Amino acid sequence: MRAARRRRRGGSGSGQRRRRGPHRVRGSRGCAGRVPSAAGRAPRRARAPEPLVTIALHGNLRDFGMGEVFQLIGQQRKTGVLEVRGEQGDVELRFDAGGVVSAAPSAERPDAALVEMIARCGVVPRDRLAELERGAEGETSLVARIVAAGLLDTEALREVEDLLTRETIFDLLRWQDGSFRFVSQPIEHHRPPERLLGAEQVLMDGLRMVDEWHAFAADLPAEHVVFRRRGSLEEYRLSAAGRAAPSAADAERVFMLIDGRSNVRRVIDLSRLGTFGAMRTLVHLARAGWIEPVRASRDATGRGSAAVLASETRRRAALAAPFALLVVLAALAWSRGAHEPEPLAIRASALEQARTRMETTRWRSLLLAHRLATGRWAGGLDEVAQWAGAPSPALTRSERGAYHVGRRAEGPVVLAPDPSSDPASSRSDL
């Protein structure tokens, strides 16, 4: 009976329960509950924007050289700032899409290195720069004030900026130790893309210059040395050295800047060729004999000053040696004459021979000194005497004419007078 009732309630033999309305399922972790309506949902909190993550590349130059750093930045077209630190100082390079925007030594004022380069190149006098700096108003940079004052146009400014960049990179590629750090960040500048220097091209040019630098490093002059010319510009142009110069225009520019007063560093800056280009030209001119060192500047190092002093001492000793020889020979002749009362002719002959040897040596020394000072051989002894400042007090003009100036392959030489001839009637054999 009860079973029949249950069958009638549940249906035909299935044991299914009566269906009920929708029911709520308790949510649990891992199970989805009933989705609440939009009105019943709590408002979501807005997510904070994720901070911009800046990745820095850093290392030391012993493990990762500057060439590899430049190659990486150029190939991956990186944009950011490369900071390099070493014993020589701190350097900052800016890149935009793998191109070099600028490179300069780090300083408190961003444009300090550029202003210094403008002054060194002689574009704007230092006193004028000081006036502009004293009259600064607001946050306007000194470079902007220089351009606004009409002292430098935009094109000339870019040339100085490129020179500073090349100089900085050339110095940097010769560093053997230091650390670097590259930070990706936007770079603000006003250069068009076609005016940017490609990092890989800069690297190739820099490595080539470093290799050539080592080739003539043994002949590099110190920056405090002062040179003077040994001929005119027209003579240099017609010479073999002028025709064989790596760059005729650069060589002539450096040649004309050599004036016997400006030191090597000043010549490099005024030429605007950079340290590599100007030094290569100076070595070329010195090897060919068209320039010669005069003296070291006042700010020379102790070693340079000692070398100049030694050279001056040797020159004075060469001029004084004949007089010392004359004194010795005269003393010997006098001592011999004191012990020999009669042979006066012998004493006179010995004294005359000593006098002849002394005068010959003296005129040879003066002739060589004239050659070193003027760069050419004198035409005769009268010209040497006039150059020396006064005629020789030991000889009259007729006696001086008895000394011959002989012409030889190595240059003129002074020959003693012929003992059989009359000194008063002899003339210079030019």
Protein backbone atom coordinates (compact mmCIF):
# COMPACT_ATOMS: atom_id res chain seq x y z
CA MET A 1 0.00 0.00 0.00
CA ARG A 2 2.72 2.39 1.03
CA ALA A 3 4.81 1.36 -1.94
CA ALA A 4 1.90 2.08 -4.26
CA ARG A 5 1.53 5.51 -2.78
CA ARG A 6 5.17 6.23 -3.26
CA ARG A 7 4.96 5.13 -6.88
CA ARG A 8 2.01 7.39 -7.49
CA ARG A 9 3.84 10.36 -5.95
CA GLY A 10 7.22 9.88 -7.67
CA GLY A 11 6.19 8.65 -11.03
CA SER A 12 6.59 5.35 -12.66
CA GLY A 13 9.38 3.49 -10.96
CA SER A 14 12.11 6.09 -11.44
CA GLY A 15 12.44 7.17 -7.83
CA GLN A 16 12.80 10.78 -8.96
CA ARG A 17 11.90 13.55 -6.59
CA ARG A 18 9.45 16.32 -7.39
CA ARG A 19 11.07 19.17 -9.18
CA ARG A 20 11.28 22.36 -7.23
CA GLY A 21 11.96 25.96 -8.23
CA PRO A 22 15.36 27.39 -8.63
CA HIS A 23 17.45 27.24 -5.54
CA ARG A 24 20.57 29.00 -4.46
CA VAL A 25 23.85 27.13 -4.40
CA ARG A 26 26.24 28.21 -1.72
CA GLY A 27 29.42 29.42 -3.27
CA SER A 28 32.63 27.87 -2.17
CA ARG A 29 36.23 28.20 -3.24
CA GLY A 30 36.49 26.57 -6.61
CA CYS A 31 32.73 26.59 -7.20
CA ALA A 32 30.73 29.26 -8.98
CA GLY A 33 27.72 30.60 -7.15
CA ARG A 34 24.80 32.49 -8.50
CA VAL A 35 25.94 35.65 -10.32
CA PRO A 36 24.61 38.73 -8.49
CA SER A 37 22.85 41.45 -10.37
CA ALA A 38 24.59 44.62 -11.46
CA ALA A 39 22.76 46.60 -8.82
CA GLY A 40 23.89 44.27 -6.10
CA ARG A 41 27.56 44.12 -7.06
CA ALA A 42 30.06 46.20 -5.11
CA PRO A 43 31.96 48.70 -7.30
CA ARG A 44 35.44 47.53 -8.37
CA ARG A 45 38.50 49.55 -7.45
CA ALA A 46 40.39 51.07 -10.40
CA ARG A 47 43.82 49.52 -10.86
CA ALA A 48 46.77 51.89 -10.46
CA PRO A 49 48.87 52.26 -13.63
CA GLU A 50 51.93 50.08 -13.60
CA PRO A 51 55.15 52.07 -13.21
CA LEU A 52 57.46 52.36 -16.24
CA VAL A 53 60.27 49.88 -15.80
CA THR A 54 63.64 51.23 -16.99
CA ILE A 55 66.32 48.64 -17.58
CA ALA A 56 69.95 49.79 -17.26
CA LEU A 57 72.94 48.15 -18.90
CA HIS A 58 76.10 48.46 -16.85
CA GLY A 59 79.53 46.90 -16.62
CA ASN A 60 83.26 47.66 -16.74
CA LEU A 61 85.48 48.31 -19.72
CA ARG A 62 87.81 45.44 -18.97
CA ASP A 63 85.09 42.87 -19.56
CA PHE A 64 82.99 44.79 -22.08
CA GLY A 65 84.92 47.29 -24.20
CA MET A 66 83.59 50.54 -25.57
CA GLY A 67 83.54 49.09 -29.06
CA GLU A 68 81.11 46.39 -27.99
CA VAL A 69 78.94 48.92 -26.15
CA PHE A 70 78.70 51.14 -29.24
CA GLN A 71 77.95 48.15 -31.44
CA LEU A 72 75.15 46.97 -29.15
CA ILE A 73 73.53 50.42 -28.97
CA GLY A 74 73.78 50.90 -32.72
CA GLN A 75 72.45 47.49 -33.75
CA GLN A 76 69.50 47.59 -31.34
CA ARG A 77 68.82 51.28 -32.11
CA LYS A 78 68.74 52.22 -28.45
CA THR A 79 67.68 55.63 -27.14
CA GLY A 80 69.09 56.87 -23.86
CA VAL A 81 72.15 58.09 -22.00
CA LEU A 82 75.49 56.30 -21.69
CA GLU A 83 77.57 57.35 -18.69
CA VAL A 84 81.24 56.34 -18.55
CA ARG A 85 83.48 56.87 -15.55
CA GLY A 86 87.22 56.41 -15.28
CA GLU A 87 90.44 57.90 -13.97
CA GLN A 88 90.35 60.47 -16.79
CA GLY A 89 86.96 61.78 -15.64
CA ASP A 90 83.27 61.26 -16.38
CA VAL A 91 81.77 61.31 -19.87
CA GLU A 92 78.13 61.42 -20.97
CA LEU A 93 76.90 60.30 -24.40
CA ARG A 94 73.33 60.67 -25.67
CA PHE A 95 71.78 58.39 -28.28
CA ASP A 96 68.56 58.53 -30.28
CA ALA A 97 67.52 55.38 -32.16
CA GLY A 98 71.14 54.23 -32.32
CA GLY A 99 72.48 57.59 -33.52
CA VAL A 100 74.89 59.72 -31.51
CA VAL A 101 73.29 63.02 -30.52
CA SER A 102 76.19 64.39 -28.46
CA ALA A 103 79.16 63.39 -26.33
CA ALA A 104 80.92 65.58 -23.79
CA PRO A 105 82.67 65.43 -20.41
CA SER A 106 80.24 65.61 -17.51
CA ALA A 107 79.98 68.90 -15.64
CA GLU A 108 77.68 70.69 -13.21
CA ARG A 109 76.38 72.92 -16.00
CA PRO A 110 75.11 70.94 -19.02
CA ASP A 111 76.68 73.27 -21.60
CA ALA A 112 79.99 73.86 -19.79
CA ALA A 113 82.04 71.59 -22.07
CA LEU A 114 80.51 73.11 -25.21
CA VAL A 115 81.20 76.67 -24.04
CA GLU A 116 84.81 75.73 -23.26
CA MET A 117 85.22 74.27 -26.75
CA ILE A 118 83.77 77.46 -28.28
CA ALA A 119 86.39 79.50 -26.42
CA ARG A 120 89.28 77.16 -27.28
CA CYS A 121 88.44 77.23 -30.98
CA GLY A 122 88.63 81.02 -30.94
CA VAL A 123 85.03 81.43 -32.09
CA VAL A 124 84.10 83.75 -29.21
CA PRO A 125 86.65 85.51 -26.97
CA ARG A 126 86.69 84.44 -23.35
CA ASP A 127 86.10 87.96 -22.04
CA ARG A 128 82.93 88.20 -24.14
CA LEU A 129 81.75 84.86 -22.78
CA ALA A 130 82.35 86.10 -19.25
CA GLU A 131 80.20 89.16 -19.93
CA LEU A 132 77.33 87.02 -21.22
CA GLU A 133 77.59 84.73 -18.21
CA ARG A 134 77.47 87.63 -15.76
CA GLY A 135 74.43 89.09 -17.50
CA ALA A 136 72.46 85.83 -17.44
CA GLU A 137 68.78 86.09 -16.63
CA GLY A 138 66.42 83.22 -15.94
CA GLU A 139 67.25 79.67 -16.98
CA THR A 140 68.47 80.45 -20.49
CA SER A 141 71.64 78.51 -21.27
CA LEU A 142 74.84 80.33 -22.09
CA VAL A 143 74.97 78.74 -25.54
CA ALA A 144 71.50 80.09 -26.32
CA ARG A 145 72.61 83.56 -25.24
CA ILE A 146 75.69 83.30 -27.48
CA VAL A 147 73.50 82.51 -30.49
CA ALA A 148 70.97 85.21 -29.55
CA ALA A 149 73.77 87.80 -29.34
CA GLY A 150 74.80 87.00 -32.92
CA LEU A 151 78.26 85.76 -31.91
CA LEU A 152 77.65 82.31 -33.37
CA ASP A 153 75.17 81.06 -35.96
CA THR A 154 73.38 77.73 -35.84
CA GLU A 155 75.57 76.04 -38.45
CA ALA A 156 78.80 77.07 -36.74
CA LEU A 157 77.39 75.88 -33.42
CA ARG A 158 76.69 72.43 -34.88
CA GLU A 159 80.25 72.25 -36.21
CA VAL A 160 81.64 72.94 -32.73
CA GLU A 161 79.22 70.38 -31.23
CA ASP A 162 80.37 67.75 -33.74
CA LEU A 163 84.01 68.58 -32.97
CA LEU A 164 83.40 68.16 -29.24
CA THR A 165 81.62 64.85 -29.88
CA ARG A 166 84.46 63.49 -32.03
CA GLU A 167 87.10 64.61 -29.54
CA THR A 168 85.24 62.99 -26.64
CA ILE A 169 84.71 59.68 -28.45
CA PHE A 170 88.34 59.59 -29.66
CA ASP A 171 89.56 60.02 -26.08
CA LEU A 172 87.03 57.48 -24.82
CA LEU A 173 88.10 54.76 -27.25
CA ARG A 174 91.64 54.95 -25.82
CA TRP A 175 90.49 54.28 -22.27
CA GLN A 176 91.69 50.97 -20.88
CA ASP A 177 89.74 50.94 -17.62
CA GLY A 178 86.51 52.35 -16.26
CA SER A 179 82.83 51.58 -15.82
CA PHE A 180 79.77 52.34 -17.92
CA ARG A 181 76.01 52.52 -17.41
CA PHE A 182 73.37 52.90 -20.12
CA VAL A 183 69.84 54.00 -19.18
CA SER A 184 67.00 53.92 -21.73
CA GLN A 185 65.12 57.20 -21.67
CA PRO A 186 63.76 59.79 -24.11
CA ILE A 187 66.31 62.29 -25.45
CA GLU A 188 65.32 65.85 -26.31
CA HIS A 189 67.27 67.51 -29.11
CA HIS A 190 66.74 69.62 -32.22
CA ARG A 191 68.89 67.71 -34.67
CA PRO A 192 67.24 66.18 -37.75
CA PRO A 193 67.70 62.41 -38.07
CA GLU A 194 70.01 62.78 -41.07
CA ARG A 195 72.40 64.93 -39.00
CA LEU A 196 72.85 62.28 -36.31
CA LEU A 197 76.11 60.34 -36.27
CA GLY A 198 75.54 56.59 -36.60
CA ALA A 199 76.98 54.70 -33.64
CA GLU A 200 78.52 51.98 -35.80
CA GLN A 201 80.04 54.50 -38.22
CA VAL A 202 81.46 56.52 -35.33
CA LEU A 203 82.94 53.32 -33.93
CA MET A 204 84.61 52.37 -37.23
CA ASP A 205 86.09 55.85 -37.71
CA GLY A 206 87.26 55.97 -34.10
CA LEU A 207 88.99 52.59 -34.23
CA ARG A 208 90.72 53.56 -37.48
CA MET A 209 92.04 56.75 -35.89
CA VAL A 210 93.26 54.88 -32.82
CA ASP A 211 95.19 52.43 -35.03
CA GLU A 212 96.82 55.27 -36.99
CA TRP A 213 97.55 57.12 -33.75
CA HIS A 214 99.68 54.21 -32.54
CA ALA A 215 101.60 54.27 -35.84
CA PHE A 216 103.06 57.76 -35.26
CA ALA A 217 102.84 57.88 -31.45
CA ALA A 218 106.65 57.84 -31.13
CA ASP A 219 106.92 61.19 -32.95
CA LEU A 220 104.06 62.98 -31.18
CA PRO A 221 105.17 66.35 -29.77
CA ALA A 222 104.15 67.47 -26.30
CA GLU A 223 101.24 69.90 -26.22
CA HIS A 224 103.36 72.67 -24.66
CA VAL A 225 105.98 72.68 -27.44
CA VAL A 226 106.10 75.71 -29.75
CA PHE A 227 106.98 75.27 -33.45
CA ARG A 228 108.05 77.72 -36.12
CA ARG A 229 108.00 77.47 -39.92
CA ARG A 230 111.12 76.84 -41.99
CA GLY A 231 109.83 78.20 -45.26
CA SER A 232 106.93 79.95 -46.93
CA LEU A 233 103.57 78.46 -47.83
CA GLU A 234 104.37 78.69 -51.56
CA GLU A 235 107.61 76.75 -51.07
CA TYR A 236 105.79 74.10 -49.08
CA ARG A 237 103.11 73.69 -51.75
CA LEU A 238 105.77 73.04 -54.40
CA SER A 239 107.73 70.60 -52.23
CA ALA A 240 107.41 66.83 -52.22
CA ALA A 241 106.04 66.95 -48.67
CA GLY A 242 103.28 69.34 -49.73
CA ARG A 243 102.23 67.06 -52.57
CA ALA A 244 102.34 63.95 -50.37
CA ALA A 245 100.28 65.39 -47.50
CA PRO A 246 97.25 63.25 -46.50
CA SER A 247 95.04 66.33 -46.83
CA ALA A 248 96.51 69.38 -48.55
CA ALA A 249 93.91 71.77 -47.14
CA ASP A 250 94.39 70.54 -43.57
CA ALA A 251 98.18 70.63 -43.88
CA GLU A 252 98.16 74.22 -45.16
CA ARG A 253 95.79 75.29 -42.40
CA VAL A 254 98.04 73.87 -39.70
CA PHE A 255 101.17 75.21 -41.43
CA MET A 256 99.84 78.77 -41.39
CA LEU A 257 98.82 78.52 -37.72
CA ILE A 258 102.44 77.80 -36.72
CA ASP A 259 103.87 81.21 -35.87
CA GLY A 260 106.60 80.58 -33.29
CA ARG A 261 104.33 81.69 -30.42
CA SER A 262 101.36 79.30 -30.22
CA ASN A 263 101.96 75.93 -28.61
CA VAL A 264 100.77 72.62 -30.03
CA ARG A 265 97.50 72.58 -28.05
CA ARG A 266 96.61 76.06 -29.30
CA VAL A 267 97.32 75.08 -32.91
CA ILE A 268 95.10 72.00 -32.56
CA ASP A 269 92.20 74.00 -31.15
CA LEU A 270 92.39 76.82 -33.71
CA SER A 271 92.59 74.38 -36.63
CA ARG A 272 89.29 72.72 -35.58
CA LEU A 273 90.60 69.45 -37.00
CA GLY A 274 90.59 67.62 -33.70
CA THR A 275 93.52 66.13 -31.84
CA PHE A 276 94.00 63.26 -34.28
CA GLY A 277 93.90 65.26 -37.51
CA ALA A 278 96.04 68.16 -36.30
CA MET A 279 98.63 65.94 -34.59
CA ARG A 280 98.98 63.79 -37.71
CA THR A 281 99.63 66.92 -39.77
CA LEU A 282 102.19 68.26 -37.26
CA VAL A 283 104.09 64.97 -37.33
CA HIS A 284 104.06 65.05 -41.14
CA LEU A 285 105.43 68.61 -41.24
CA ALA A 286 108.09 67.90 -38.61
CA ARG A 287 109.29 64.73 -40.34
CA ALA A 288 109.60 66.62 -43.63
CA GLY A 289 111.61 69.38 -41.94
CA TRP A 290 109.16 72.21 -42.62
CA ILE A 291 108.68 73.04 -38.94
CA GLU A 292 111.03 72.93 -35.98
CA PRO A 293 110.54 73.41 -32.23
CA VAL A 294 111.45 76.80 -30.83
CA ARG A 295 110.83 76.64 -27.12
CA ALA A 296 108.44 75.30 -24.54
CA SER A 297 105.65 77.51 -23.29
CA ARG A 298 105.69 78.96 -19.79
CA ASP A 299 103.41 76.26 -18.47
CA ALA A 300 105.70 73.48 -19.66
CA THR A 301 106.43 70.56 -17.43
CA GLY A 302 109.73 70.27 -15.61
CA ARG A 303 111.05 67.76 -18.10
CA GLY A 304 110.34 70.04 -21.04
CA SER A 305 111.95 73.02 -19.32
CA ALA A 306 115.04 70.99 -18.48
CA ALA A 307 115.39 69.92 -22.11
CA VAL A 308 115.20 73.52 -23.31
CA LEU A 309 117.76 74.62 -20.70
CA ALA A 310 120.14 71.84 -21.74
CA SER A 311 119.83 72.85 -25.39
CA GLU A 312 120.59 76.49 -24.55
CA THR A 313 123.60 75.42 -22.47
CA ARG A 314 124.99 73.34 -25.35
CA ARG A 315 124.59 76.27 -27.74
CA ARG A 316 126.49 78.63 -25.45
CA ALA A 317 129.20 76.05 -24.87
CA ALA A 318 129.67 75.65 -28.63
CA LEU A 319 130.15 79.40 -29.02
CA ALA A 320 132.54 79.65 -26.07
CA ALA A 321 134.69 76.63 -26.98
CA PRO A 322 136.87 78.45 -29.56
CA PHE A 323 137.74 81.18 -27.07
CA ALA A 324 138.73 78.60 -24.47
CA LEU A 325 140.90 76.88 -27.06
CA LEU A 326 142.57 80.18 -27.91
CA VAL A 327 143.38 80.81 -24.26
CA VAL A 328 144.95 77.36 -23.91
CA LEU A 329 147.00 77.68 -27.08
CA ALA A 330 148.13 81.18 -26.19
CA ALA A 331 149.23 79.99 -22.78
CA LEU A 332 151.19 77.14 -24.34
CA ALA A 333 152.84 79.48 -26.83
CA TRP A 334 153.72 81.98 -24.12
CA SER A 335 155.20 79.27 -21.91
CA ARG A 336 157.33 77.98 -24.76
CA GLY A 337 158.50 81.50 -25.59
CA ALA A 338 159.46 82.18 -21.96
CA HIS A 339 161.96 79.30 -22.03
CA GLU A 340 163.36 80.14 -25.48
CA PRO A 341 164.91 83.61 -25.50
CA GLU A 342 166.05 83.82 -29.16
CA PRO A 343 163.73 82.08 -31.68
CA LEU A 344 161.20 84.89 -31.88
CA ALA A 345 160.08 83.80 -35.35
CA ILE A 346 159.09 80.42 -34.00
CA ARG A 347 157.03 81.98 -31.22
CA ALA A 348 155.31 84.33 -33.66
CA SER A 349 154.59 81.44 -36.04
CA ALA A 350 153.08 79.31 -33.26
CA LEU A 351 150.92 82.20 -32.07
CA GLU A 352 149.79 82.95 -35.62
CA GLN A 353 148.88 79.31 -36.21
CA ALA A 354 146.91 79.21 -32.96
CA ARG A 355 145.18 82.44 -33.92
CA THR A 356 144.33 81.05 -37.36
CA ARG A 357 142.91 77.82 -35.93
CA MET A 358 140.90 79.73 -33.35
CA GLU A 359 139.43 82.12 -35.91
CA THR A 360 138.58 79.28 -38.28
CA THR A 361 136.81 77.36 -35.54
CA ARG A 362 135.01 80.47 -34.39
CA TRP A 363 133.72 81.35 -37.85
CA ARG A 364 132.60 77.77 -38.40
CA SER A 365 130.64 77.91 -35.14
CA LEU A 366 129.04 81.23 -36.11
CA LEU A 367 128.22 79.89 -39.58
CA LEU A 368 126.48 76.85 -38.06
CA ALA A 369 124.65 79.02 -35.51
CA HIS A 370 123.43 81.27 -38.36
CA ARG A 371 122.16 78.17 -40.21
CA LEU A 372 120.25 76.89 -37.16
CA ALA A 373 118.74 80.29 -36.42
CA THR A 374 117.71 81.34 -39.95
CA GLY A 375 117.24 77.98 -41.64
CA ARG A 376 119.71 78.72 -44.48
CA TRP A 377 123.43 78.99 -45.07
CA ALA A 378 125.03 82.42 -45.12
CA GLY A 379 126.51 83.71 -48.35
CA GLY A 380 129.72 84.92 -46.74
CA LEU A 381 131.44 85.87 -43.53
CA ASP A 382 130.30 89.49 -43.81
CA GLU A 383 126.70 88.30 -43.62
CA VAL A 384 127.55 86.13 -40.60
CA ALA A 385 129.27 89.05 -38.87
CA GLN A 386 126.31 91.33 -39.53
CA TRP A 387 123.92 88.67 -38.19
CA ALA A 388 126.08 88.20 -35.06
CA GLY A 389 125.60 91.88 -34.23
CA ALA A 390 129.15 93.19 -34.58
CA PRO A 391 132.27 92.31 -36.61
CA SER A 392 134.93 90.16 -35.06
CA PRO A 393 137.26 92.29 -32.93
CA ALA A 394 140.14 89.94 -33.63
CA LEU A 395 140.15 90.49 -37.41
CA THR A 396 140.03 93.50 -39.66
CA ARG A 397 137.79 93.48 -42.72
CA SER A 398 140.71 92.68 -45.04
CA GLU A 399 141.90 89.91 -42.76
CA ARG A 400 138.40 88.50 -42.49
CA GLY A 401 138.21 88.33 -46.27
CA ALA A 402 141.17 85.94 -46.31
CA TYR A 403 139.02 83.19 -44.83
CA HIS A 404 137.36 81.13 -47.55
CA VAL A 405 133.72 79.98 -47.47
CA GLY A 406 133.91 76.74 -49.39
CA ARG A 407 130.84 75.15 -51.00
CA ARG A 408 130.32 71.45 -50.36
CA ALA A 409 127.45 69.00 -50.60
CA GLU A 410 126.73 69.23 -46.90
CA GLY A 411 126.80 73.05 -46.97
CA PRO A 412 129.37 75.87 -46.76
CA VAL A 413 132.49 75.39 -44.66
CA VAL A 414 135.04 77.96 -43.45
CA LEU A 415 138.60 77.35 -44.66
CA ALA A 416 141.67 78.95 -43.10
CA PRO A 417 143.67 81.43 -45.25
CA ASP A 418 146.51 80.17 -47.39
CA PRO A 419 149.74 80.79 -45.43
CA SER A 420 151.57 81.67 -48.66
CA SER A 421 149.07 84.44 -49.58
CA ASP A 422 148.83 87.96 -48.23
CA PRO A 423 145.78 88.22 -45.96
CA ALA A 424 145.27 91.83 -46.88
CA SER A 425 144.93 91.02 -50.59
CA SER A 426 142.82 87.86 -50.31
CA ARG A 427 139.05 87.94 -50.84
CA SER A 428 136.20 85.61 -49.89
CA ASP A 429 135.83 82.70 -52.27
CA LEU A 430 132.03 82.46 -52.50
